[in-house]
Amino acid sequence: MQARLRAIPAELRTSRSAALRSGLRDMLSGPEPLNVAIYAALPHEVDLLPLLHEYPQHHYAFPRCGKGGSMQFHLVTNSELQLRPGAMGIPTPLPELPVIPPQQLHLIIVPGVAFSPDGTRLGYGGGYYDRYLPLCPGAIKVAAIYPEQLVSDIPTESHDLRIPHLITP
C-alpha cells in the first residue's frame, strides 16, 4: 500500500491534498477556536500543514511519540521553526512546546496507510493512535485519505479502532 501511495504523481498528490483540506472546511470554518490534532505528512501522505494558514483561528497540535508507545500532542504555531525531523524522518514538534491534554482536543485528524468504508484503519504498526484516541472521548476523529487508501476490507484485532469520519477528494 505504501508503494502504491508513493507512486501517485506529486502534482496529483498536491491537488488531492488541497481538495481534502477543503473537505475539512465544515469542521474547521467556525469562528470558535478549536484544538486540532494533525500530523506533518510524510511525502506519500496528505499534506495538512497549509491548514495552519487556511484556518488560522485554531490551535494546531502535532504528535510526539515517546517511550513505551506513549504519544503527546504539542502546540505548534510555526511549523517551519517548531518541527524537526524525528524518528524515520517524520517532522516532530520540539519537546519544549506546550502539550495539549487529550481531553482538550476537539478534532483529531488521524493518519493511516489504508481504511475500509466502515472506518477500519490500518496504521503504521506502532499502535500509538490506537492507545491515544480512547483518551479523547469528546474529540471528533477524522481521516483525510486518497482514493487509493480506501480498500474493501482490513483485518482487525481487538485493540484496533475505527475512524468514524473519512474524507476523500
C-alpha atoms as a PDB file:
ATOM      1  CA  MET A   1       0.000   0.000   0.000  1.00  0.00           C
ATOM      2  CA  GLN A   2       2.819   2.409   0.796  1.00  0.00           C
ATOM      3  CA  ALA A   3       4.393   1.710  -2.602  1.00  0.00           C
ATOM      4  CA  ARG A   4       1.028   2.401  -4.199  1.00  0.00           C
ATOM      5  CA  LEU A   5       0.837   5.752  -2.388  1.00  0.00           C
ATOM      6  CA  ARG A   6       4.407   6.661  -3.317  1.00  0.00           C
ATOM      7  CA  ALA A   7       3.503   6.030  -6.976  1.00  0.00           C
ATOM      8  CA  ILE A   8       0.936   8.863  -7.001  1.00  0.00           C
ATOM      9  CA  PRO A   9       2.491  11.712  -9.037  1.00  0.00           C
ATOM     10  CA  ALA A  10       3.497  14.734  -6.940  1.00  0.00           C
ATOM     11  CA  GLU A  11       1.188  17.113  -8.831  1.00  0.00           C
ATOM     12  CA  LEU A  12      -1.781  14.814  -8.218  1.00  0.00           C
ATOM     13  CA  ARG A  13      -0.876  14.490  -4.512  1.00  0.00           C
ATOM     14  CA  THR A  14      -0.755  18.286  -4.268  1.00  0.00           C
ATOM     15  CA  SER A  15      -4.154  18.820  -5.900  1.00  0.00           C
ATOM     16  CA  ARG A  16      -5.762  15.996  -3.929  1.00  0.00           C
ATOM     17  CA  SER A  17      -4.311  17.315  -0.673  1.00  0.00           C
ATOM     18  CA  ALA A  18      -5.882  20.710  -1.405  1.00  0.00           C
ATOM     19  CA  ALA A  19      -9.234  19.020  -2.129  1.00  0.00           C
ATOM     20  CA  LEU A  20      -9.016  17.021   1.087  1.00  0.00           C
ATOM     21  CA  ARG A  21      -8.251  20.136   3.126  1.00  0.00           C
ATOM     22  CA  SER A  22     -11.338  21.722   1.537  1.00  0.00           C
ATOM     23  CA  GLY A  23     -13.281  18.643   2.600  1.00  0.00           C
ATOM     24  CA  LEU A  24     -12.446  19.531   6.193  1.00  0.00           C
ATOM     25  CA  ARG A  25     -13.983  23.003   5.779  1.00  0.00           C
ATOM     26  CA  ASP A  26     -17.257  22.151   7.551  1.00  0.00           C
ATOM     27  CA  MET A  27     -15.338  21.043  10.619  1.00  0.00           C
ATOM     28  CA  LEU A  28     -12.919  23.993  10.607  1.00  0.00           C
ATOM     29  CA  SER A  29     -14.784  27.024   9.274  1.00  0.00           C
ATOM     30  CA  GLY A  30     -16.459  28.128  12.509  1.00  0.00           C
ATOM     31  CA  PRO A  31     -15.241  31.222  14.346  1.00  0.00           C
ATOM     32  CA  GLU A  32     -14.668  29.403  17.647  1.00  0.00           C
ATOM     33  CA  PRO A  33     -11.024  28.374  18.092  1.00  0.00           C
ATOM     34  CA  LEU A  34     -10.605  24.608  18.225  1.00  0.00           C
ATOM     35  CA  ASN A  35      -7.722  22.465  19.427  1.00  0.00           C
ATOM     36  CA  VAL A  36      -6.927  20.413  16.339  1.00  0.00           C
ATOM     37  CA  ALA A  37      -4.556  17.444  16.376  1.00  0.00           C
ATOM     38  CA  ILE A  38      -2.901  16.992  12.992  1.00  0.00           C
ATOM     39  CA  TYR A  39       0.304  15.440  11.723  1.00  0.00           C
ATOM     40  CA  ALA A  40       3.162  16.526   9.493  1.00  0.00           C
ATOM     41  CA  ALA A  41       2.869  14.356   6.416  1.00  0.00           C
ATOM     42  CA  LEU A  42       5.424  12.001   5.017  1.00  0.00           C
ATOM     43  CA  PRO A  43       5.960  12.565   1.270  1.00  0.00           C
ATOM     44  CA  HIS A  44       3.283   9.996   0.333  1.00  0.00           C
ATOM     45  CA  GLU A  45       0.650  11.330   2.781  1.00  0.00           C
ATOM     46  CA  VAL A  46      -1.956  14.095   2.595  1.00  0.00           C
ATOM     47  CA  ASP A  47      -0.355  17.496   3.225  1.00  0.00           C
ATOM     48  CA  LEU A  48      -2.150  19.124   6.160  1.00  0.00           C
ATOM     49  CA  LEU A  49       0.358  21.884   7.006  1.00  0.00           C
ATOM     50  CA  PRO A  50      -1.487  24.545   4.955  1.00  0.00           C
ATOM     51  CA  LEU A  51      -4.384  24.236   7.424  1.00  0.00           C
ATOM     52  CA  LEU A  52      -2.384  26.425   9.804  1.00  0.00           C
ATOM     53  CA  HIS A  53      -2.699  29.296   7.300  1.00  0.00           C
ATOM     54  CA  GLU A  54      -6.097  28.389   5.812  1.00  0.00           C
ATOM     55  CA  TYR A  55      -7.832  28.268   9.217  1.00  0.00           C
ATOM     56  CA  PRO A  56      -5.615  30.403  11.484  1.00  0.00           C
ATOM     57  CA  GLN A  57      -8.272  30.794  14.197  1.00  0.00           C
ATOM     58  CA  HIS A  58      -7.495  27.294  15.506  1.00  0.00           C
ATOM     59  CA  HIS A  59      -4.736  25.865  17.685  1.00  0.00           C
ATOM     60  CA  TYR A  60      -2.812  23.033  15.999  1.00  0.00           C
ATOM     61  CA  ALA A  61      -1.043  20.267  17.851  1.00  0.00           C
ATOM     62  CA  PHE A  62       1.355  17.714  16.385  1.00  0.00           C
ATOM     63  CA  PRO A  63       2.254  14.291  17.802  1.00  0.00           C
ATOM     64  CA  ARG A  64       5.463  13.481  19.568  1.00  0.00           C
ATOM     65  CA  CYS A  65       5.955   9.784  20.259  1.00  0.00           C
ATOM     66  CA  GLY A  66       7.686   8.692  23.433  1.00  0.00           C
ATOM     67  CA  LYS A  67       8.961   5.567  25.079  1.00  0.00           C
ATOM     68  CA  GLY A  68       6.635   2.678  25.762  1.00  0.00           C
ATOM     69  CA  GLY A  69       4.232   3.616  22.977  1.00  0.00           C
ATOM     70  CA  SER A  70       3.205   6.925  24.524  1.00  0.00           C
ATOM     71  CA  MET A  71       2.227   9.946  22.455  1.00  0.00           C
ATOM     72  CA  GLN A  72       1.544  13.587  23.280  1.00  0.00           C
ATOM     73  CA  PHE A  73       0.355  16.448  21.107  1.00  0.00           C
ATOM     74  CA  HIS A  74       2.350  19.682  21.267  1.00  0.00           C
ATOM     75  CA  LEU A  75       1.044  23.091  20.252  1.00  0.00           C
ATOM     76  CA  VAL A  76       2.774  24.350  17.094  1.00  0.00           C
ATOM     77  CA  THR A  77       2.316  27.905  15.858  1.00  0.00           C
ATOM     78  CA  ASN A  78       5.080  27.930  13.248  1.00  0.00           C
ATOM     79  CA  SER A  79       5.690  24.618  11.501  1.00  0.00           C
ATOM     80  CA  GLU A  80       8.908  25.794   9.857  1.00  0.00           C
ATOM     81  CA  LEU A  81      10.541  26.714  13.164  1.00  0.00           C
ATOM     82  CA  GLN A  82       8.941  24.264  15.571  1.00  0.00           C
ATOM     83  CA  LEU A  83       9.010  20.936  13.700  1.00  0.00           C
ATOM     84  CA  ARG A  84      12.222  18.931  13.329  1.00  0.00           C
ATOM     85  CA  PRO A  85      12.863  15.503  11.772  1.00  0.00           C
ATOM     86  CA  GLY A  86      12.241  12.795  14.347  1.00  0.00           C
ATOM     87  CA  ALA A  87      12.032   9.017  14.101  1.00  0.00           C
ATOM     88  CA  MET A  88      12.010   7.825  10.480  1.00  0.00           C
ATOM     89  CA  GLY A  89      12.367  11.461   9.377  1.00  0.00           C
ATOM     90  CA  ILE A  90       8.839  12.343  10.487  1.00  0.00           C
ATOM     91  CA  PRO A  91       8.553  16.067  11.310  1.00  0.00           C
ATOM     92  CA  THR A  92       8.069  16.211  15.078  1.00  0.00           C
ATOM     93  CA  PRO A  93       7.387  19.137  17.431  1.00  0.00           C
ATOM     94  CA  LEU A  94      10.132  20.362  19.703  1.00  0.00           C
ATOM     95  CA  PRO A  95       9.822  18.770  23.176  1.00  0.00           C
ATOM     96  CA  GLU A  96       9.653  22.109  24.991  1.00  0.00           C
ATOM     97  CA  LEU A  97       6.444  23.194  23.223  1.00  0.00           C
ATOM     98  CA  PRO A  98       3.237  23.181  25.316  1.00  0.00           C
ATOM     99  CA  VAL A  99       1.312  19.906  25.475  1.00  0.00           C
ATOM    100  CA  ILE A 100      -2.435  19.935  24.797  1.00  0.00           C
ATOM    101  CA  PRO A 101      -4.070  17.332  27.046  1.00  0.00           C
ATOM    102  CA  PRO A 102      -6.139  14.719  25.182  1.00  0.00           C
ATOM    103  CA  GLN A 103      -9.344  15.832  26.901  1.00  0.00           C
ATOM    104  CA  GLN A 104      -8.894  19.331  25.430  1.00  0.00           C
ATOM    105  CA  LEU A 105      -8.706  18.211  21.786  1.00  0.00           C
ATOM    106  CA  HIS A 106     -11.783  18.971  19.675  1.00  0.00           C
ATOM    107  CA  LEU A 107     -10.755  17.411  16.357  1.00  0.00           C
ATOM    108  CA  ILE A 108      -8.154  14.748  15.586  1.00  0.00           C
ATOM    109  CA  ILE A 109      -7.054  14.150  12.003  1.00  0.00           C
ATOM    110  CA  VAL A 110      -5.665  10.632  12.036  1.00  0.00           C
ATOM    111  CA  PRO A 111      -3.026   9.280   9.642  1.00  0.00           C
ATOM    112  CA  GLY A 112      -3.069   5.769   8.272  1.00  0.00           C
ATOM    113  CA  VAL A 113      -1.945   3.542   5.446  1.00  0.00           C
ATOM    114  CA  ALA A 114      -5.372   2.189   4.458  1.00  0.00           C
ATOM    115  CA  PHE A 115      -9.012   2.448   5.514  1.00  0.00           C
ATOM    116  CA  SER A 116     -12.164   0.461   4.831  1.00  0.00           C
ATOM    117  CA  PRO A 117     -15.531   2.161   4.206  1.00  0.00           C
ATOM    118  CA  ASP A 118     -16.634   1.442   7.789  1.00  0.00           C
ATOM    119  CA  GLY A 119     -13.621   3.387   9.131  1.00  0.00           C
ATOM    120  CA  THR A 120     -11.390   0.443   9.982  1.00  0.00           C
ATOM    121  CA  ARG A 121      -7.834   1.765   9.898  1.00  0.00           C
ATOM    122  CA  LEU A 122      -4.520   0.166   9.052  1.00  0.00           C
ATOM    123  CA  GLY A 123      -1.818   2.267  10.690  1.00  0.00           C
ATOM    124  CA  TYR A 124       1.934   2.040  10.540  1.00  0.00           C
ATOM    125  CA  GLY A 125       2.185  -0.661  13.205  1.00  0.00           C
ATOM    126  CA  GLY A 126       3.188   1.271  16.311  1.00  0.00           C
ATOM    127  CA  GLY A 127      -0.282   1.393  17.870  1.00  0.00           C
ATOM    128  CA  TYR A 128       0.196   4.992  19.017  1.00  0.00           C
ATOM    129  CA  TYR A 129      -3.196   6.236  17.820  1.00  0.00           C
ATOM    130  CA  ASP A 130      -4.985   3.079  18.985  1.00  0.00           C
ATOM    131  CA  ARG A 131      -3.707   3.829  22.504  1.00  0.00           C
ATOM    132  CA  TYR A 132      -4.210   7.608  22.339  1.00  0.00           C
ATOM    133  CA  LEU A 133      -7.677   8.003  20.805  1.00  0.00           C
ATOM    134  CA  PRO A 134      -9.578   6.439  23.740  1.00  0.00           C
ATOM    135  CA  LEU A 135      -8.144   9.253  25.902  1.00  0.00           C
ATOM    136  CA  CYS A 136     -10.070  11.776  23.749  1.00  0.00           C
ATOM    137  CA  PRO A 137     -13.749  10.811  24.096  1.00  0.00           C
ATOM    138  CA  GLY A 138     -15.045  14.277  23.181  1.00  0.00           C
ATOM    139  CA  ALA A 139     -12.926  14.746  20.060  1.00  0.00           C
ATOM    140  CA  ILE A 140     -14.185  14.212  16.532  1.00  0.00           C
ATOM    141  CA  LYS A 141     -11.962  11.669  14.806  1.00  0.00           C
ATOM    142  CA  VAL A 142     -11.479  12.012  11.053  1.00  0.00           C
ATOM    143  CA  ALA A 143      -9.100  10.802   8.348  1.00  0.00           C
ATOM    144  CA  ALA A 144      -8.458  12.656   5.095  1.00  0.00           C
ATOM    145  CA  ILE A 145      -7.472   9.969   2.596  1.00  0.00           C
ATOM    146  CA  TYR A 146      -6.571   9.438  -1.038  1.00  0.00           C
ATOM    147  CA  PRO A 147      -8.867   7.123  -3.048  1.00  0.00           C
ATOM    148  CA  GLU A 148      -6.008   4.607  -3.215  1.00  0.00           C
ATOM    149  CA  GLN A 149      -6.182   4.233   0.570  1.00  0.00           C
ATOM    150  CA  LEU A 150      -9.783   3.023   0.553  1.00  0.00           C
ATOM    151  CA  VAL A 151      -9.954  -0.780   0.453  1.00  0.00           C
ATOM    152  CA  SER A 152     -12.914  -3.106   0.877  1.00  0.00           C
ATOM    153  CA  ASP A 153     -11.664  -4.916   3.966  1.00  0.00           C
ATOM    154  CA  ILE A 154      -8.936  -4.608   6.580  1.00  0.00           C
ATOM    155  CA  PRO A 155      -8.221  -7.376   9.082  1.00  0.00           C
ATOM    156  CA  THR A 156      -8.592  -6.116  12.646  1.00  0.00           C
ATOM    157  CA  GLU A 157      -7.563  -7.056  16.142  1.00  0.00           C
ATOM    158  CA  SER A 158      -9.424  -6.230  19.357  1.00  0.00           C
ATOM    159  CA  HIS A 159      -7.362  -3.074  20.013  1.00  0.00           C
ATOM    160  CA  ASP A 160      -7.904  -1.582  16.526  1.00  0.00           C
ATOM    161  CA  LEU A 161     -10.158   1.469  16.461  1.00  0.00           C
ATOM    162  CA  ARG A 162     -12.455   2.743  13.740  1.00  0.00           C
ATOM    163  CA  ILE A 163     -12.332   6.306  12.466  1.00  0.00           C
ATOM    164  CA  PRO A 164     -15.950   7.444  12.135  1.00  0.00           C
ATOM    165  CA  HIS A 165     -15.382  10.187   9.535  1.00  0.00           C
ATOM    166  CA  LEU A 166     -13.491   9.568   6.274  1.00  0.00           C
ATOM    167  CA  ILE A 167     -12.901  12.445   3.863  1.00  0.00           C
ATOM    168  CA  THR A 168     -11.996  11.605   0.246  1.00  0.00           C
ATOM    169  CA  PRO A 169     -11.389  14.020  -2.656  1.00  0.00           C
END
